[in-house]
Amino acid sequence: MKSALEMHPNQSYIIHSIIDSPLQVNFLEIGILVGKRIKLLHQAPFSGSIAFEVGNNMVFMRISEAGLIQVIPEVAEQELELQELKSIKSNHPLQPS
């Protein structure tokens, strides 16, 4: 897991969590939610603002705000879901042994 500051441009990630902060409500209001797809579009020079695509929206934020968002690569999210499905299937009571 990494922060949104460590994302590679134009690669899709999934928001895994948001670090506790008074800004959590603001993130919710602009659609930054756990489970949403996020992509780094642009980072301004000299520690300027960062542009992200979250869902179908473009969102700009400060570096300090982006550091609160924890992400995982989208591929890793799909692998986790597949593992969960396999676990559920193997523990299903009607599954033959």
PDB file of N, CA and C in Angstrom:
ATOM      1  N   MET A   1       0.859  -1.169   0.000  1.00  0.00           N
ATOM      2  CA  MET A   1       0.000   0.000   0.000  1.00  0.00           C
ATOM      3  C   MET A   1       0.907   1.235   0.000  1.00  0.00           C
ATOM      4  N   LYS A   2       0.489   2.265  -0.712  1.00  0.00           N
ATOM      5  CA  LYS A   2       1.273   3.491  -0.795  1.00  0.00           C
ATOM      6  C   LYS A   2       0.340   4.690  -0.754  1.00  0.00           C
ATOM      7  N   SER A   3       0.920   5.863  -0.547  1.00  0.00           N
ATOM      8  CA  SER A   3       0.096   7.072  -0.549  1.00  0.00           C
ATOM      9  C   SER A   3      -0.101   7.528  -1.986  1.00  0.00           C
ATOM     10  N   ALA A   4      -1.069   8.383  -2.190  1.00  0.00           N
ATOM     11  CA  ALA A   4      -1.349   8.907  -3.527  1.00  0.00           C
ATOM     12  C   ALA A   4      -0.158   9.699  -4.068  1.00  0.00           C
ATOM     13  N   LEU A   5       0.732  10.143  -3.198  1.00  0.00           N
ATOM     14  CA  LEU A   5       1.928  10.868  -3.635  1.00  0.00           C
ATOM     15  C   LEU A   5       2.908   9.952  -4.369  1.00  0.00           C
ATOM     16  N   GLU A   6       2.817   8.663  -4.131  1.00  0.00           N
ATOM     17  CA  GLU A   6       3.750   7.703  -4.714  1.00  0.00           C
ATOM     18  C   GLU A   6       3.212   7.048  -5.986  1.00  0.00           C
ATOM     19  N   MET A   7       2.065   7.490  -6.446  1.00  0.00           N
ATOM     20  CA  MET A   7       1.459   6.896  -7.635  1.00  0.00           C
ATOM     21  C   MET A   7       2.250   7.233  -8.887  1.00  0.00           C
ATOM     22  N   HIS A   8       2.186   6.334  -9.865  1.00  0.00           N
ATOM     23  CA  HIS A   8       2.792   6.583 -11.169  1.00  0.00           C
ATOM     24  C   HIS A   8       1.743   7.206 -12.086  1.00  0.00           C
ATOM     25  N   PRO A   9       2.116   8.179 -12.910  1.00  0.00           N
ATOM     26  CA  PRO A   9       1.144   8.839 -13.793  1.00  0.00           C
ATOM     27  C   PRO A   9       0.427   7.851 -14.717  1.00  0.00           C
ATOM     28  N   ASN A  10      -0.849   8.102 -14.910  1.00  0.00           N
ATOM     29  CA  ASN A  10      -1.705   7.368 -15.837  1.00  0.00           C
ATOM     30  C   ASN A  10      -1.832   5.875 -15.544  1.00  0.00           C
ATOM     31  N   GLN A  11      -1.555   5.454 -14.311  1.00  0.00           N
ATOM     32  CA  GLN A  11      -1.823   4.083 -13.893  1.00  0.00           C
ATOM     33  C   GLN A  11      -2.988   4.114 -12.926  1.00  0.00           C
ATOM     34  N   SER A  12      -3.860   3.147 -13.040  1.00  0.00           N
ATOM     35  CA  SER A  12      -5.042   3.108 -12.179  1.00  0.00           C
ATOM     36  C   SER A  12      -4.729   2.454 -10.840  1.00  0.00           C
ATOM     37  N   TYR A  13      -5.253   3.058  -9.802  1.00  0.00           N
ATOM     38  CA  TYR A  13      -5.141   2.555  -8.438  1.00  0.00           C
ATOM     39  C   TYR A  13      -6.539   2.527  -7.836  1.00  0.00           C
ATOM     40  N   ILE A  14      -6.669   1.869  -6.705  1.00  0.00           N
ATOM     41  CA  ILE A  14      -7.915   1.844  -5.954  1.00  0.00           C
ATOM     42  C   ILE A  14      -7.643   2.493  -4.602  1.00  0.00           C
ATOM     43  N   ILE A  15      -8.541   3.362  -4.171  1.00  0.00           N
ATOM     44  CA  ILE A  15      -8.394   3.989  -2.853  1.00  0.00           C
ATOM     45  C   ILE A  15      -8.660   2.916  -1.804  1.00  0.00           C
ATOM     46  N   HIS A  16      -7.649   2.626  -1.007  1.00  0.00           N
ATOM     47  CA  HIS A  16      -7.740   1.578   0.015  1.00  0.00           C
ATOM     48  C   HIS A  16      -8.221   2.145   1.352  1.00  0.00           C
ATOM     49  N   SER A  17      -7.712   3.311   1.715  1.00  0.00           N
ATOM     50  CA  SER A  17      -8.107   3.947   2.973  1.00  0.00           C
ATOM     51  C   SER A  17      -7.716   5.418   2.941  1.00  0.00           C
ATOM     52  N   ILE A  18      -8.261   6.138   3.907  1.00  0.00           N
ATOM     53  CA  ILE A  18      -7.929   7.554   4.074  1.00  0.00           C
ATOM     54  C   ILE A  18      -7.499   7.738   5.520  1.00  0.00           C
ATOM     55  N   ILE A  19      -6.314   8.288   5.722  1.00  0.00           N
ATOM     56  CA  ILE A  19      -5.786   8.489   7.070  1.00  0.00           C
ATOM     57  C   ILE A  19      -6.692   9.462   7.821  1.00  0.00           C
ATOM     58  N   ASP A  20      -6.921   9.153   9.103  1.00  0.00           N
ATOM     59  CA  ASP A  20      -7.776  10.006   9.933  1.00  0.00           C
ATOM     60  C   ASP A  20      -7.308  11.453   9.891  1.00  0.00           C
ATOM     61  N   SER A  21      -8.245  12.334   9.572  1.00  0.00           N
ATOM     62  CA  SER A  21      -7.938  13.750   9.437  1.00  0.00           C
ATOM     63  C   SER A  21      -9.256  14.522   9.416  1.00  0.00           C
ATOM     64  N   PRO A  22      -9.215  15.786   9.808  1.00  0.00           N
ATOM     65  CA  PRO A  22     -10.420  16.608   9.680  1.00  0.00           C
ATOM     66  C   PRO A  22     -10.874  16.753   8.220  1.00  0.00           C
ATOM     67  N   LEU A  23      -9.990  16.432   7.277  1.00  0.00           N
ATOM     68  CA  LEU A  23     -10.324  16.566   5.855  1.00  0.00           C
ATOM     69  C   LEU A  23     -11.147  15.389   5.314  1.00  0.00           C
ATOM     70  N   GLN A  24     -11.343  14.345   6.109  1.00  0.00           N
ATOM     71  CA  GLN A  24     -12.088  13.177   5.627  1.00  0.00           C
ATOM     72  C   GLN A  24     -13.470  13.563   5.094  1.00  0.00           C
ATOM     73  N   VAL A  25     -14.138  14.449   5.778  1.00  0.00           N
ATOM     74  CA  VAL A  25     -15.463  14.885   5.336  1.00  0.00           C
ATOM     75  C   VAL A  25     -15.369  15.577   3.981  1.00  0.00           C
ATOM     76  N   ASN A  26     -14.348  16.408   3.814  1.00  0.00           N
ATOM     77  CA  ASN A  26     -14.156  17.091   2.533  1.00  0.00           C
ATOM     78  C   ASN A  26     -13.912  16.093   1.406  1.00  0.00           C
ATOM     79  N   PHE A  27     -13.117  15.059   1.683  1.00  0.00           N
ATOM     80  CA  PHE A  27     -12.872  14.029   0.681  1.00  0.00           C
ATOM     81  C   PHE A  27     -14.186  13.353   0.279  1.00  0.00           C
ATOM     82  N   LEU A  28     -15.002  13.022   1.256  1.00  0.00           N
ATOM     83  CA  LEU A  28     -16.298  12.398   0.968  1.00  0.00           C
ATOM     84  C   LEU A  28     -17.170  13.305   0.101  1.00  0.00           C
ATOM     85  N   GLU A  29     -17.156  14.588   0.416  1.00  0.00           N
ATOM     86  CA  GLU A  29     -17.988  15.546  -0.319  1.00  0.00           C
ATOM     87  C   GLU A  29     -17.603  15.665  -1.785  1.00  0.00           C
ATOM     88  N   ILE A  30     -16.321  15.458  -2.106  1.00  0.00           N
ATOM     89  CA  ILE A  30     -15.896  15.578  -3.504  1.00  0.00           C
ATOM     90  C   ILE A  30     -15.744  14.220  -4.182  1.00  0.00           C
ATOM     91  N   GLY A  31     -16.203  13.162  -3.505  1.00  0.00           N
ATOM     92  CA  GLY A  31     -16.247  11.844  -4.136  1.00  0.00           C
ATOM     93  C   GLY A  31     -15.014  10.988  -3.974  1.00  0.00           C
ATOM     94  N   ILE A  32     -14.130  11.345  -3.061  1.00  0.00           N
ATOM     95  CA  ILE A  32     -12.953  10.510  -2.806  1.00  0.00           C
ATOM     96  C   ILE A  32     -13.346   9.511  -1.730  1.00  0.00           C
ATOM     97  N   LEU A  33     -13.686   8.303  -2.184  1.00  0.00           N
ATOM     98  CA  LEU A  33     -14.216   7.261  -1.311  1.00  0.00           C
ATOM     99  C   LEU A  33     -13.380   5.995  -1.423  1.00  0.00           C
ATOM    100  N   VAL A  34     -13.326   5.235  -0.343  1.00  0.00           N
ATOM    101  CA  VAL A  34     -12.642   3.942  -0.360  1.00  0.00           C
ATOM    102  C   VAL A  34     -13.295   3.065  -1.421  1.00  0.00           C
ATOM    103  N   GLY A  35     -12.468   2.418  -2.225  1.00  0.00           N
ATOM    104  CA  GLY A  35     -12.968   1.541  -3.284  1.00  0.00           C
ATOM    105  C   GLY A  35     -13.056   2.197  -4.647  1.00  0.00           C
ATOM    106  N   LYS A  36     -12.932   3.513  -4.702  1.00  0.00           N
ATOM    107  CA  LYS A  36     -12.996   4.223  -5.985  1.00  0.00           C
ATOM    108  C   LYS A  36     -11.676   4.131  -6.726  1.00  0.00           C
ATOM    109  N   ARG A  37     -11.743   4.156  -8.047  1.00  0.00           N
ATOM    110  CA  ARG A  37     -10.548   4.157  -8.890  1.00  0.00           C
ATOM    111  C   ARG A  37      -9.987   5.581  -8.916  1.00  0.00           C
ATOM    112  N   ILE A  38      -8.652   5.673  -8.826  1.00  0.00           N
ATOM    113  CA  ILE A  38      -7.976   6.969  -8.846  1.00  0.00           C
ATOM    114  C   ILE A  38      -6.758   6.874  -9.769  1.00  0.00           C
ATOM    115  N   LYS A  39      -6.513   7.948 -10.485  1.00  0.00           N
ATOM    116  CA  LYS A  39      -5.390   7.979 -11.423  1.00  0.00           C
ATOM    117  C   LYS A  39      -4.707   9.342 -11.311  1.00  0.00           C
ATOM    118  N   LEU A  40      -3.382   9.344 -11.221  1.00  0.00           N
ATOM    119  CA  LEU A  40      -2.607  10.585 -11.184  1.00  0.00           C
ATOM    120  C   LEU A  40      -2.512  11.131 -12.599  1.00  0.00           C
ATOM    121  N   LEU A  41      -2.979  12.360 -12.796  1.00  0.00           N
ATOM    122  CA  LEU A  41      -2.938  12.971 -14.116  1.00  0.00           C
ATOM    123  C   LEU A  41      -1.760  13.919 -14.278  1.00  0.00           C
ATOM    124  N   HIS A  42      -1.519  14.757 -13.252  1.00  0.00           N
ATOM    125  CA  HIS A  42      -0.476  15.788 -13.390  1.00  0.00           C
ATOM    126  C   HIS A  42      -0.061  16.298 -12.020  1.00  0.00           C
ATOM    127  N   GLN A  43       1.219  16.579 -11.883  1.00  0.00           N
ATOM    128  CA  GLN A  43       1.722  17.231 -10.678  1.00  0.00           C
ATOM    129  C   GLN A  43       2.433  18.508 -11.089  1.00  0.00           C
ATOM    130  N   ALA A  44       1.998  19.626 -10.539  1.00  0.00           N
ATOM    131  CA  ALA A  44       2.601  20.919 -10.862  1.00  0.00           C
ATOM    132  C   ALA A  44       4.027  20.981 -10.304  1.00  0.00           C
ATOM    133  N   PRO A  45       4.901  21.725 -10.967  1.00  0.00           N
ATOM    134  CA  PRO A  45       6.284  21.835 -10.473  1.00  0.00           C
ATOM    135  C   PRO A  45       6.363  22.609  -9.165  1.00  0.00           C
ATOM    136  N   PHE A  46       7.509  22.469  -8.513  1.00  0.00           N
ATOM    137  CA  PHE A  46       7.802  23.191  -7.271  1.00  0.00           C
ATOM    138  C   PHE A  46       6.798  22.875  -6.169  1.00  0.00           C
ATOM    139  N   SER A  47       6.484  21.606  -6.028  1.00  0.00           N
ATOM    140  CA  SER A  47       5.568  21.141  -4.965  1.00  0.00           C
ATOM    141  C   SER A  47       4.192  21.792  -5.061  1.00  0.00           C
ATOM    142  N   GLY A  48       3.734  21.983  -6.274  1.00  0.00           N
ATOM    143  CA  GLY A  48       2.415  22.569  -6.493  1.00  0.00           C
ATOM    144  C   GLY A  48       1.307  21.540  -6.350  1.00  0.00           C
ATOM    145  N   SER A  49       0.133  21.905  -6.806  1.00  0.00           N
ATOM    146  CA  SER A  49      -1.018  21.019  -6.651  1.00  0.00           C
ATOM    147  C   SER A  49      -0.908  19.797  -7.562  1.00  0.00           C
ATOM    148  N   ILE A  50      -1.724  18.799  -7.242  1.00  0.00           N
ATOM    149  CA  ILE A  50      -1.721  17.535  -7.966  1.00  0.00           C
ATOM    150  C   ILE A  50      -3.117  17.310  -8.528  1.00  0.00           C
ATOM    151  N   ALA A  51      -3.183  16.850  -9.783  1.00  0.00           N
ATOM    152  CA  ALA A  51      -4.465  16.563 -10.424  1.00  0.00           C
ATOM    153  C   ALA A  51      -4.669  15.051 -10.473  1.00  0.00           C
ATOM    154  N   PHE A  52      -5.833  14.617 -10.007  1.00  0.00           N
ATOM    155  CA  PHE A  52      -6.214  13.214 -10.032  1.00  0.00           C
ATOM    156  C   PHE A  52      -7.531  13.057 -10.788  1.00  0.00           C
ATOM    157  N   GLU A  53      -7.706  11.908 -11.378  1.00  0.00           N
ATOM    158  CA  GLU A  53      -9.013  11.521 -11.899  1.00  0.00           C
ATOM    159  C   GLU A  53      -9.578  10.517 -10.901  1.00  0.00           C
ATOM    160  N   VAL A  54     -10.721  10.850 -10.316  1.00  0.00           N
ATOM    161  CA  VAL A  54     -11.386   9.965  -9.355  1.00  0.00           C
ATOM    162  C   VAL A  54     -12.757   9.654  -9.932  1.00  0.00           C
ATOM    163  N   GLY A  55     -12.946   8.412 -10.345  1.00  0.00           N
ATOM    164  CA  GLY A  55     -14.176   8.075 -11.050  1.00  0.00           C
ATOM    165  C   GLY A  55     -14.189   8.836 -12.358  1.00  0.00           C
ATOM    166  N   ASN A  56     -15.224   9.636 -12.574  1.00  0.00           N
ATOM    167  CA  ASN A  56     -15.331  10.451 -13.791  1.00  0.00           C
ATOM    168  C   ASN A  56     -15.006  11.918 -13.537  1.00  0.00           C
ATOM    169  N   ASN A  57     -14.474  12.224 -12.366  1.00  0.00           N
ATOM    170  CA  ASN A  57     -14.199  13.616 -11.994  1.00  0.00           C
ATOM    171  C   ASN A  57     -12.707  13.902 -11.941  1.00  0.00           C
ATOM    172  N   MET A  58     -12.336  15.135 -12.244  1.00  0.00           N
ATOM    173  CA  MET A  58     -10.965  15.586 -12.076  1.00  0.00           C
ATOM    174  C   MET A  58     -10.908  16.383 -10.776  1.00  0.00           C
ATOM    175  N   VAL A  59      -9.954  16.020  -9.908  1.00  0.00           N
ATOM    176  CA  VAL A  59      -9.829  16.626  -8.590  1.00  0.00           C
ATOM    177  C   VAL A  59      -8.411  17.137  -8.416  1.00  0.00           C
ATOM    178  N   PHE A  60      -8.279  18.367  -7.928  1.00  0.00           N
ATOM    179  CA  PHE A  60      -6.976  18.965  -7.646  1.00  0.00           C
ATOM    180  C   PHE A  60      -6.827  19.083  -6.140  1.00  0.00           C
ATOM    181  N   MET A  61      -5.629  18.800  -5.634  1.00  0.00           N
ATOM    182  CA  MET A  61      -5.406  18.939  -4.192  1.00  0.00           C
ATOM    183  C   MET A  61      -3.945  19.249  -3.893  1.00  0.00           C
ATOM    184  N   ARG A  62      -3.724  19.684  -2.666  1.00  0.00           N
ATOM    185  CA  ARG A  62      -2.367  19.970  -2.204  1.00  0.00           C
ATOM    186  C   ARG A  62      -1.637  18.656  -1.918  1.00  0.00           C
ATOM    187  N   ILE A  63      -0.322  18.725  -1.863  1.00  0.00           N
ATOM    188  CA  ILE A  63       0.490  17.546  -1.546  1.00  0.00           C
ATOM    189  C   ILE A  63       0.118  16.994  -0.171  1.00  0.00           C
ATOM    190  N   SER A  64      -0.093  17.869   0.790  1.00  0.00           N
ATOM    191  CA  SER A  64      -0.432  17.414   2.149  1.00  0.00           C
ATOM    192  C   SER A  64      -1.752  16.650   2.168  1.00  0.00           C
ATOM    193  N   GLU A  65      -2.687  17.027   1.318  1.00  0.00           N
ATOM    194  CA  GLU A  65      -3.976  16.324   1.245  1.00  0.00           C
ATOM    195  C   GLU A  65      -3.810  14.971   0.556  1.00  0.00           C
ATOM    196  N   ALA A  66      -3.040  14.933  -0.522  1.00  0.00           N
ATOM    197  CA  ALA A  66      -2.831  13.686  -1.264  1.00  0.00           C
ATOM    198  C   ALA A  66      -2.123  12.646  -0.406  1.00  0.00           C
ATOM    199  N   GLY A  67      -1.280  13.094   0.512  1.00  0.00           N
ATOM    200  CA  GLY A  67      -0.569  12.170   1.384  1.00  0.00           C
ATOM    201  C   GLY A  67      -1.476  11.416   2.336  1.00  0.00           C
ATOM    202  N   LEU A  68      -2.708  11.872   2.502  1.00  0.00           N
ATOM    203  CA  LEU A  68      -3.666  11.202   3.391  1.00  0.00           C
ATOM    204  C   LEU A  68      -4.383  10.036   2.717  1.00  0.00           C
ATOM    205  N   ILE A  69      -4.271   9.941   1.411  1.00  0.00           N
ATOM    206  CA  ILE A  69      -4.987   8.911   0.662  1.00  0.00           C
ATOM    207  C   ILE A  69      -4.064   7.719   0.438  1.00  0.00           C
ATOM    208  N   GLN A  70      -4.488   6.551   0.907  1.00  0.00           N
ATOM    209  CA  GLN A  70      -3.729   5.313   0.747  1.00  0.00           C
ATOM    210  C   GLN A  70      -4.322   4.521  -0.413  1.00  0.00           C
ATOM    211  N   VAL A  71      -3.473   4.082  -1.328  1.00  0.00           N
ATOM    212  CA  VAL A  71      -3.949   3.397  -2.531  1.00  0.00           C
ATOM    213  C   VAL A  71      -3.227   2.067  -2.724  1.00  0.00           C
ATOM    214  N   ILE A  72      -3.852   1.205  -3.518  1.00  0.00           N
ATOM    215  CA  ILE A  72      -3.206  -0.019  -3.976  1.00  0.00           C
ATOM    216  C   ILE A  72      -3.402  -0.082  -5.483  1.00  0.00           C
ATOM    217  N   PRO A  73      -2.476  -0.704  -6.203  1.00  0.00           N
ATOM    218  CA  PRO A  73      -2.649  -0.811  -7.657  1.00  0.00           C
ATOM    219  C   PRO A  73      -3.940  -1.556  -7.990  1.00  0.00           C
ATOM    220  N   GLU A  74      -4.571  -1.169  -9.059  1.00  0.00           N
ATOM    221  CA  GLU A  74      -5.845  -1.778  -9.436  1.00  0.00           C
ATOM    222  C   GLU A  74      -5.698  -3.282  -9.652  1.00  0.00           C
ATOM    223  N   VAL A  75      -4.588  -3.721 -10.192  1.00  0.00           N
ATOM    224  CA  VAL A  75      -4.352  -5.145 -10.415  1.00  0.00           C
ATOM    225  C   VAL A  75      -4.339  -5.886  -9.081  1.00  0.00           C
ATOM    226  N   ALA A  76      -3.708  -5.313  -8.074  1.00  0.00           N
ATOM    227  CA  ALA A  76      -3.656  -5.941  -6.753  1.00  0.00           C
ATOM    228  C   ALA A  76      -5.057  -6.064  -6.163  1.00  0.00           C
ATOM    229  N   GLU A  77      -5.901  -5.069  -6.379  1.00  0.00           N
ATOM    230  CA  GLU A  77      -7.282  -5.105  -5.897  1.00  0.00           C
ATOM    231  C   GLU A  77      -8.022  -6.276  -6.532  1.00  0.00           C
ATOM    232  N   GLN A  78      -7.840  -6.490  -7.825  1.00  0.00           N
ATOM    233  CA  GLN A  78      -8.501  -7.588  -8.513  1.00  0.00           C
ATOM    234  C   GLN A  78      -8.008  -8.930  -7.986  1.00  0.00           C
ATOM    235  N   GLU A  79      -6.710  -9.036  -7.693  1.00  0.00           N
ATOM    236  CA  GLU A  79      -6.164 -10.271  -7.148  1.00  0.00           C
ATOM    237  C   GLU A  79      -6.739 -10.557  -5.763  1.00  0.00           C
ATOM    238  N   LEU A  80      -6.903  -9.514  -4.929  1.00  0.00           N
ATOM    239  CA  LEU A  80      -7.494  -9.692  -3.605  1.00  0.00           C
ATOM    240  C   LEU A  80      -8.933 -10.192  -3.713  1.00  0.00           C
ATOM    241  N   GLU A  81      -9.702  -9.621  -4.628  1.00  0.00           N
ATOM    242  CA  GLU A  81     -11.081 -10.052  -4.814  1.00  0.00           C
ATOM    243  C   GLU A  81     -11.140 -11.508  -5.255  1.00  0.00           C
ATOM    244  N   LEU A  82     -10.247 -11.917  -6.142  1.00  0.00           N
ATOM    245  CA  LEU A  82     -10.203 -13.294  -6.614  1.00  0.00           C
ATOM    246  C   LEU A  82      -9.867 -14.242  -5.464  1.00  0.00           C
ATOM    247  N   GLN A  83      -8.915 -13.862  -4.610  1.00  0.00           N
ATOM    248  CA  GLN A  83      -8.564 -14.689  -3.459  1.00  0.00           C
ATOM    249  C   GLN A  83      -9.742 -14.824  -2.500  1.00  0.00           C
ATOM    250  N   GLU A  84     -10.478 -13.718  -2.287  1.00  0.00           N
ATOM    251  CA  GLU A  84     -11.644 -13.768  -1.406  1.00  0.00           C
ATOM    252  C   GLU A  84     -12.710 -14.696  -1.968  1.00  0.00           C
ATOM    253  N   LEU A  85     -12.941 -14.632  -3.281  1.00  0.00           N
ATOM    254  CA  LEU A  85     -13.924 -15.503  -3.909  1.00  0.00           C
ATOM    255  C   LEU A  85     -13.526 -16.969  -3.785  1.00  0.00           C
ATOM    256  N   LYS A  86     -12.253 -17.263  -3.986  1.00  0.00           N
ATOM    257  CA  LYS A  86     -11.772 -18.639  -3.845  1.00  0.00           C
ATOM    258  C   LYS A  86     -11.949 -19.126  -2.420  1.00  0.00           C
ATOM    259  N   SER A  87     -11.680 -18.255  -1.442  1.00  0.00           N
ATOM    260  CA  SER A  87     -11.829 -18.612  -0.037  1.00  0.00           C
ATOM    261  C   SER A  87     -13.284 -18.902   0.295  1.00  0.00           C
ATOM    262  N   ILE A  88     -14.185 -18.079  -0.195  1.00  0.00           N
ATOM    263  CA  ILE A  88     -15.614 -18.278   0.047  1.00  0.00           C
ATOM    264  C   ILE A  88     -16.069 -19.584  -0.587  1.00  0.00           C
ATOM    265  N   LYS A  89     -15.616 -19.825  -1.806  1.00  0.00           N
ATOM    266  CA  LYS A  89     -16.014 -21.037  -2.519  1.00  0.00           C
ATOM    267  C   LYS A  89     -15.513 -22.285  -1.799  1.00  0.00           C
ATOM    268  N   SER A  90     -14.266 -22.264  -1.316  1.00  0.00           N
ATOM    269  CA  SER A  90     -13.715 -23.444  -0.649  1.00  0.00           C
ATOM    270  C   SER A  90     -14.359 -23.688   0.712  1.00  0.00           C
ATOM    271  N   ASN A  91     -14.929 -22.650   1.319  1.00  0.00           N
ATOM    272  CA  ASN A  91     -15.580 -22.799   2.631  1.00  0.00           C
ATOM    273  C   ASN A  91     -17.085 -22.978   2.511  1.00  0.00           C
ATOM    274  N   HIS A  92     -17.609 -23.043   1.304  1.00  0.00           N
ATOM    275  CA  HIS A  92     -19.046 -23.172   1.093  1.00  0.00           C
ATOM    276  C   HIS A  92     -19.497 -24.563   1.528  1.00  0.00           C
ATOM    277  N   PRO A  93     -20.597 -24.656   2.313  1.00  0.00           N
ATOM    278  CA  PRO A  93     -21.032 -25.954   2.847  1.00  0.00           C
ATOM    279  C   PRO A  93     -21.467 -26.948   1.770  1.00  0.00           C
ATOM    280  N   LEU A  94     -21.898 -26.498   0.591  1.00  0.00           N
ATOM    281  CA  LEU A  94     -22.334 -27.393  -0.456  1.00  0.00           C
ATOM    282  C   LEU A  94     -21.217 -27.795  -1.406  1.00  0.00           C
ATOM    283  N   GLN A  95     -20.035 -27.254  -1.183  1.00  0.00           N
ATOM    284  CA  GLN A  95     -18.875 -27.562  -2.028  1.00  0.00           C
ATOM    285  C   GLN A  95     -18.421 -28.984  -1.736  1.00  0.00           C
ATOM    286  N   PRO A  96     -18.303 -29.848  -2.771  1.00  0.00           N
ATOM    287  CA  PRO A  96     -17.838 -31.218  -2.515  1.00  0.00           C
ATOM    288  C   PRO A  96     -16.400 -31.237  -2.026  1.00  0.00           C
ATOM    289  N   SER A  97     -16.109 -32.174  -1.144  1.00  0.00           N
ATOM    290  CA  SER A  97     -14.756 -32.265  -0.583  1.00  0.00           C
ATOM    291  C   SER A  97     -13.865 -33.138  -1.421  1.00  0.00           C
TER     292      SER A  97
END
